[in-house]
Amino acid sequence: MSTALPNLGCLLTEQRNPDTMELDTFTPLQIVEAMNREDRRAVDAVHAVLPQVAQAITWATQSLSEGGRIFYVGAGTSGRLGLLDAVECPPTFGVSPDVVVGIIAGGKNAFVKAREGAEDSERSGEEDLREKKLCGKDIVIGLAASGRTPYVVGALRFARSLGCKTVSIACNPNSEISSESDLAIEAITGPEVLTGSTRLKAGTAQKLILNMISTGSMVGIGKAYQNLMVDVQQNNEKLRARAQGIVCEACGCTPDVASEKLDEANGNAKLAITMLLLSCDAEAAREALREAKGHVRQAAKNASPERQLA
């Protein structure tokens, strides 16, 4: 007995783009011009939902501040984008890999080898979050360009049942995952250059939003001073040079002074910066940061005048 297939024809992301009906006759230049033109629509679509993205950042910051985690849940391209954003957080912001977690239908192997059928189970979305011991302090962000992926629906329903804040990111209006979340972000990107290939501008829009959520929430918990990533991990020569440059930029000191303070701070750029700004040793700087909940600017503001640099 055949199973009825979902009707995708009503989804904007599945409709044919009238401007690229003759795509197979385009020259390479015409293809890239068309794609570049459509990519601008992705940026505009994200601009239209900035207030919702800002709310997602507020909730994510709150979760992280309370010891919770950010979960990205998706399938296919959406799941891969979530994983990509999550794995960049530890080296960029110095957080543990279990602080921002990407979950993709079909497991991590689905990142490099498509397992498209894995997205059809709502139960799997719930089970994968159960395996991560999801709790009410966490925030779950469900990603699906179509807005209807069963795996994501199941994950969001389970998360809400635990009292988690939930956010959905879709590229179609009035989507199913929007109705399953506390906050719906619908970046309406329209038909793709290549019909139904939502790895294109729909994927671009989702990536832009994830960039904003992870960066905004990490800034919110003190992972930046000015516009410098002060908790960057120094895992190679380039990153060690970057950390030295960050200390120089933040404090207006020479590379030699920056290296000296980084050595005293065991390579911790944030600690080295605080030591220089407050003219104090590592222990006092560490205490100042603790009192300021990890925010360098607040630590400097809290410091007594005699401990601050002129």
Protein backbone atom coordinates (compact mmCIF):
# COMPACT_ATOMS: atom_id res chain seq x y z
CA MET A 1 0.00 0.00 0.00
CA SER A 2 1.45 3.37 -0.98
CA THR A 3 1.77 6.15 1.58
CA ALA A 4 0.39 9.56 0.74
CA LEU A 5 3.21 12.01 0.13
CA PRO A 6 3.17 15.49 1.65
CA ASN A 7 1.95 18.30 -0.58
CA LEU A 8 4.95 20.59 -1.00
CA GLY A 9 3.47 22.65 -3.79
CA CYS A 10 2.08 25.23 -1.41
CA LEU A 11 5.53 26.02 0.03
CA LEU A 12 7.24 29.11 -1.39
CA THR A 13 10.61 27.41 -1.10
CA GLU A 14 9.37 24.61 -3.40
CA GLN A 15 7.90 26.82 -6.10
CA ARG A 16 9.60 27.68 -9.38
CA ASN A 17 11.42 30.98 -9.65
CA PRO A 18 10.04 32.84 -12.70
CA ASP A 19 13.39 34.59 -13.21
CA THR A 20 15.31 31.34 -13.69
CA MET A 21 12.92 29.22 -15.76
CA GLU A 22 15.60 28.93 -18.46
CA LEU A 23 18.43 28.23 -16.02
CA ASP A 24 19.78 25.38 -18.13
CA THR A 25 20.47 27.83 -20.96
CA PHE A 26 22.26 30.44 -18.82
CA THR A 27 25.93 31.23 -19.29
CA PRO A 28 28.13 30.92 -16.18
CA LEU A 29 27.99 34.71 -15.77
CA GLN A 30 24.19 34.71 -16.03
CA ILE A 31 24.00 31.94 -13.39
CA VAL A 32 26.15 33.80 -10.88
CA GLU A 33 24.32 37.07 -11.55
CA ALA A 34 20.99 35.36 -10.89
CA MET A 35 22.28 33.68 -7.74
CA ASN A 36 23.82 36.89 -6.43
CA ARG A 37 20.56 38.73 -7.05
CA GLU A 38 18.61 36.08 -5.15
CA ASP A 39 21.15 36.03 -2.30
CA ARG A 40 20.35 39.70 -1.67
CA ARG A 41 16.78 38.57 -1.00
CA ALA A 42 18.11 36.33 1.78
CA VAL A 43 19.70 39.34 3.49
CA ASP A 44 16.49 41.34 3.12
CA ALA A 45 14.45 38.43 4.51
CA VAL A 46 16.64 38.31 7.61
CA HIS A 47 16.39 42.09 8.02
CA ALA A 48 12.61 41.73 8.21
CA VAL A 49 12.83 39.42 11.25
CA LEU A 50 15.55 41.15 13.27
CA PRO A 51 13.25 41.85 16.26
CA GLN A 52 12.51 38.14 16.57
CA VAL A 53 16.19 37.25 16.25
CA ALA A 54 16.98 39.77 19.00
CA GLN A 55 14.42 38.06 21.23
CA ALA A 56 16.06 34.70 20.54
CA ILE A 57 19.41 36.19 21.59
CA THR A 58 17.87 37.47 24.82
CA TRP A 59 16.52 34.02 25.66
CA ALA A 60 19.74 32.26 24.66
CA THR A 61 21.78 34.64 26.81
CA GLN A 62 19.49 33.97 29.75
CA SER A 63 19.83 30.22 29.30
CA LEU A 64 23.61 30.39 29.16
CA SER A 65 23.75 32.71 32.18
CA GLU A 66 21.73 30.19 34.19
CA GLY A 67 23.92 27.25 33.21
CA GLY A 68 21.68 26.08 30.39
CA ARG A 69 22.61 25.15 26.86
CA ILE A 70 21.68 26.14 23.31
CA PHE A 71 20.46 23.29 21.13
CA TYR A 72 20.14 23.56 17.36
CA VAL A 73 17.94 20.82 15.91
CA GLY A 74 17.49 20.21 12.20
CA ALA A 75 17.68 17.80 9.30
CA GLY A 76 19.61 17.90 6.05
CA THR A 77 21.07 21.31 5.22
CA SER A 78 19.40 22.95 8.21
CA GLY A 79 20.89 20.37 10.56
CA ARG A 80 24.34 20.80 9.03
CA LEU A 81 24.15 24.56 9.45
CA GLY A 82 23.29 24.10 13.13
CA LEU A 83 26.21 21.74 13.62
CA LEU A 84 28.56 24.12 11.82
CA ASP A 85 27.60 27.05 14.04
CA ALA A 86 27.84 24.93 17.19
CA VAL A 87 31.31 23.52 16.50
CA GLU A 88 32.71 27.01 15.90
CA CYS A 89 31.73 28.22 19.37
CA PRO A 90 34.42 26.45 21.47
CA PRO A 91 37.44 27.84 19.58
CA THR A 92 35.90 31.29 19.10
CA PHE A 93 34.41 31.84 22.53
CA GLY A 94 36.25 29.40 24.78
CA VAL A 95 33.14 27.48 25.81
CA SER A 96 32.83 23.74 26.32
CA PRO A 97 31.53 21.76 23.32
CA ASP A 98 28.41 20.90 25.31
CA VAL A 99 27.32 24.56 25.68
CA VAL A 100 26.13 25.02 22.11
CA VAL A 101 25.03 21.69 20.67
CA GLY A 102 24.02 20.86 17.13
CA ILE A 103 21.77 17.85 16.59
CA ILE A 104 21.04 16.53 13.12
CA ALA A 105 18.51 13.89 12.12
CA GLY A 106 20.36 10.66 11.47
CA GLY A 107 23.25 11.48 13.81
CA LYS A 108 26.57 13.18 13.21
CA ASN A 109 27.41 10.90 10.28
CA ALA A 110 24.55 12.59 8.42
CA PHE A 111 26.71 15.72 8.29
CA VAL A 112 28.92 14.21 5.59
CA LYS A 113 26.56 11.61 4.11
CA ALA A 114 22.94 12.55 3.55
CA ARG A 115 20.34 10.47 5.39
CA GLU A 116 17.23 12.24 4.17
CA GLY A 117 14.77 9.67 5.49
CA ALA A 118 15.87 10.32 9.06
CA GLU A 119 13.90 13.56 9.16
CA ASP A 120 10.51 11.84 8.89
CA SER A 121 10.27 10.72 12.52
CA GLU A 122 8.93 13.03 15.22
CA ARG A 123 9.87 10.46 17.84
CA SER A 124 13.52 10.59 16.80
CA GLY A 125 13.61 14.33 17.44
CA GLU A 126 12.39 13.75 20.98
CA GLU A 127 14.67 10.78 21.57
CA ASP A 128 17.78 12.65 20.48
CA LEU A 129 17.03 15.45 22.95
CA ARG A 130 16.29 12.95 25.71
CA GLU A 131 19.71 11.43 25.08
CA LYS A 132 21.26 14.85 25.71
CA LYS A 133 19.37 15.10 29.03
CA LEU A 134 17.52 18.24 27.98
CA CYS A 135 16.25 20.32 30.91
CA GLY A 136 14.13 23.40 31.43
CA LYS A 137 17.12 25.75 31.56
CA ASP A 138 18.06 24.90 27.98
CA ILE A 139 16.84 26.63 24.84
CA VAL A 140 15.97 24.62 21.73
CA ILE A 141 16.15 26.20 18.29
CA GLY A 142 14.51 24.16 15.55
CA LEU A 143 15.62 24.71 11.96
CA ALA A 144 13.69 23.71 8.84
CA ALA A 145 13.59 25.73 5.64
CA SER A 146 10.29 24.06 4.74
CA GLY A 147 8.93 24.63 8.23
CA ARG A 148 7.35 21.16 8.31
CA THR A 149 10.13 18.66 9.12
CA PRO A 150 8.66 16.02 11.49
CA TYR A 151 11.99 15.49 13.27
CA VAL A 152 12.08 19.16 14.24
CA VAL A 153 8.39 19.21 15.17
CA GLY A 154 8.95 16.33 17.59
CA ALA A 155 12.00 17.99 19.14
CA LEU A 156 10.19 21.29 19.69
CA ARG A 157 7.13 19.61 21.22
CA PHE A 158 9.28 17.68 23.65
CA ALA A 159 11.31 20.76 24.58
CA ARG A 160 8.18 22.77 25.32
CA SER A 161 6.84 19.95 27.48
CA LEU A 162 9.92 20.38 29.70
CA GLY A 163 9.48 24.13 29.96
CA CYS A 164 12.37 25.03 27.64
CA LYS A 165 12.24 28.21 25.63
CA THR A 166 11.79 27.19 22.00
CA VAL A 167 12.56 29.03 18.78
CA SER A 168 11.81 27.97 15.21
CA ILE A 169 13.61 29.18 12.09
CA ALA A 170 11.78 28.57 8.83
CA CYS A 171 11.69 30.10 5.35
CA ASN A 172 7.97 29.69 4.68
CA PRO A 173 5.12 31.66 6.27
CA ASN A 174 2.73 30.14 8.81
CA SER A 175 4.85 27.01 9.06
CA GLU A 176 4.15 24.01 11.24
CA ILE A 177 7.27 24.45 13.34
CA SER A 178 6.24 28.05 13.98
CA SER A 179 3.11 26.81 15.72
CA GLU A 180 5.21 24.42 17.82
CA SER A 181 7.56 27.09 19.20
CA ASP A 182 7.42 30.00 21.64
CA LEU A 183 9.09 32.27 19.11
CA ALA A 184 8.75 31.92 15.34
CA ILE A 185 11.40 33.35 13.03
CA GLU A 186 10.20 33.14 9.44
CA ALA A 187 12.72 34.53 6.96
CA ILE A 188 10.72 34.45 3.73
CA THR A 189 13.31 33.99 1.00
CA GLY A 190 10.98 32.87 -1.80
CA PRO A 191 11.60 30.38 -4.63
CA GLU A 192 15.16 29.21 -5.20
CA VAL A 193 17.23 29.67 -8.35
CA LEU A 194 17.22 25.88 -8.60
CA THR A 195 13.71 24.79 -7.67
CA GLY A 196 13.48 23.33 -4.19
CA SER A 197 17.22 23.52 -3.48
CA THR A 198 16.96 25.18 -0.08
CA ARG A 199 20.69 24.81 0.52
CA LEU A 200 20.84 28.06 -1.48
CA LYS A 201 19.31 31.32 -0.24
CA ALA A 202 17.11 29.64 2.39
CA GLY A 203 20.26 28.08 3.81
CA THR A 204 22.04 31.42 3.60
CA ALA A 205 19.28 33.11 5.59
CA GLN A 206 19.38 30.41 8.26
CA LYS A 207 23.17 30.70 8.52
CA LEU A 208 22.93 34.47 8.94
CA ILE A 209 20.42 34.05 11.76
CA LEU A 210 22.52 31.43 13.52
CA ASN A 211 25.56 33.71 13.28
CA MET A 212 23.54 36.39 15.04
CA ILE A 213 22.18 34.13 17.77
CA SER A 214 25.50 32.54 18.73
CA THR A 215 27.50 35.76 18.50
CA GLY A 216 24.87 37.86 20.26
CA SER A 217 24.40 35.44 23.13
CA MET A 218 28.14 34.97 23.61
CA VAL A 219 28.63 38.73 23.73
CA GLY A 220 25.80 38.79 26.26
CA ILE A 221 27.67 36.49 28.66
CA GLY A 222 30.95 38.39 28.43
CA LYS A 223 32.81 36.62 25.65
CA ALA A 224 33.76 39.93 24.02
CA TYR A 225 35.39 43.16 25.16
CA GLN A 226 34.76 46.01 22.75
CA ASN A 227 34.56 43.98 19.52
CA LEU A 228 37.40 41.64 20.48
CA MET A 229 36.90 37.91 21.11
CA VAL A 230 38.74 37.82 24.41
CA ASP A 231 38.08 34.14 25.14
CA VAL A 232 39.55 32.86 21.87
CA GLN A 233 41.36 29.55 22.33
CA GLN A 234 45.05 29.53 21.38
CA ASN A 235 45.30 26.16 19.70
CA ASN A 236 47.78 27.07 16.98
CA GLU A 237 50.36 29.69 16.05
CA LYS A 238 47.83 31.89 14.24
CA LEU A 239 45.53 31.96 17.26
CA ARG A 240 48.42 32.69 19.63
CA ALA A 241 49.31 35.66 17.45
CA ARG A 242 45.66 36.70 17.43
CA ALA A 243 45.48 36.58 21.23
CA GLN A 244 48.58 38.75 21.48
CA GLY A 245 47.04 41.21 19.04
CA ILE A 246 43.78 41.25 21.00
CA VAL A 247 45.60 42.19 24.20
CA CYS A 248 47.53 44.92 22.36
CA GLU A 249 44.33 46.34 20.84
CA ALA A 250 42.37 46.23 24.10
CA CYS A 251 45.06 47.81 26.25
CA GLY A 252 47.18 49.85 23.85
CA CYS A 253 50.29 47.99 24.95
CA THR A 254 53.30 46.64 23.06
CA PRO A 255 53.50 43.03 21.86
CA ASP A 256 56.20 42.35 24.45
CA VAL A 257 53.95 43.53 27.30
CA ALA A 258 51.04 41.55 25.88
CA SER A 259 53.16 38.38 25.71
CA GLU A 260 54.38 38.90 29.27
CA LYS A 261 50.85 39.29 30.62
CA LEU A 262 49.58 36.35 28.58
CA ASP A 263 52.32 34.21 30.12
CA GLU A 264 51.30 35.36 33.61
CA ALA A 265 47.66 34.60 32.73
CA ASN A 266 48.52 31.12 31.38
CA GLY A 267 47.42 32.21 27.92
CA ASN A 268 44.06 33.62 29.01
CA ALA A 269 43.61 36.79 26.94
CA LYS A 270 40.65 38.03 28.96
CA LEU A 271 42.60 37.67 32.19
CA ALA A 272 45.66 39.37 30.69
CA ILE A 273 43.53 42.30 29.51
CA THR A 274 41.93 42.68 32.92
CA MET A 275 45.32 42.59 34.61
CA LEU A 276 46.51 45.43 32.40
CA LEU A 277 43.35 47.51 32.66
CA LEU A 278 43.28 47.21 36.44
CA SER A 279 47.08 47.23 36.97
CA CYS A 280 46.77 44.12 39.11
CA ASP A 281 48.01 40.57 39.30
CA ALA A 282 46.27 37.50 37.91
CA GLU A 283 44.54 36.57 41.14
CA ALA A 284 43.01 40.03 41.61
CA ALA A 285 41.97 40.15 37.95
CA ARG A 286 40.37 36.73 38.22
CA GLU A 287 38.35 37.89 41.24
CA ALA A 288 37.32 41.09 39.45
CA LEU A 289 36.07 39.05 36.50
CA ARG A 290 34.21 36.69 38.79
CA GLU A 291 32.41 39.63 40.42
CA ALA A 292 31.61 41.04 36.96
CA LYS A 293 30.30 37.66 35.74
CA GLY A 294 33.00 37.47 33.10
CA HIS A 295 32.52 40.92 31.57
CA VAL A 296 35.81 42.80 31.17
CA ARG A 297 34.14 46.19 30.78
CA GLN A 298 32.14 45.69 33.97
CA ALA A 299 35.23 44.50 35.85
CA ALA A 300 37.04 47.69 34.89
CA LYS A 301 34.03 49.79 35.83
CA ASN A 302 33.74 48.09 39.22
CA ALA A 303 37.42 48.59 40.05
CA SER A 304 38.40 51.23 42.57
CA PRO A 305 40.06 54.31 41.01
CA GLU A 306 43.50 53.47 42.36
CA ARG A 307 43.43 50.10 40.60
CA GLN A 308 42.41 51.50 37.20
CA LEU A 309 44.81 52.72 34.56
CA ALA A 310 44.84 56.44 33.97
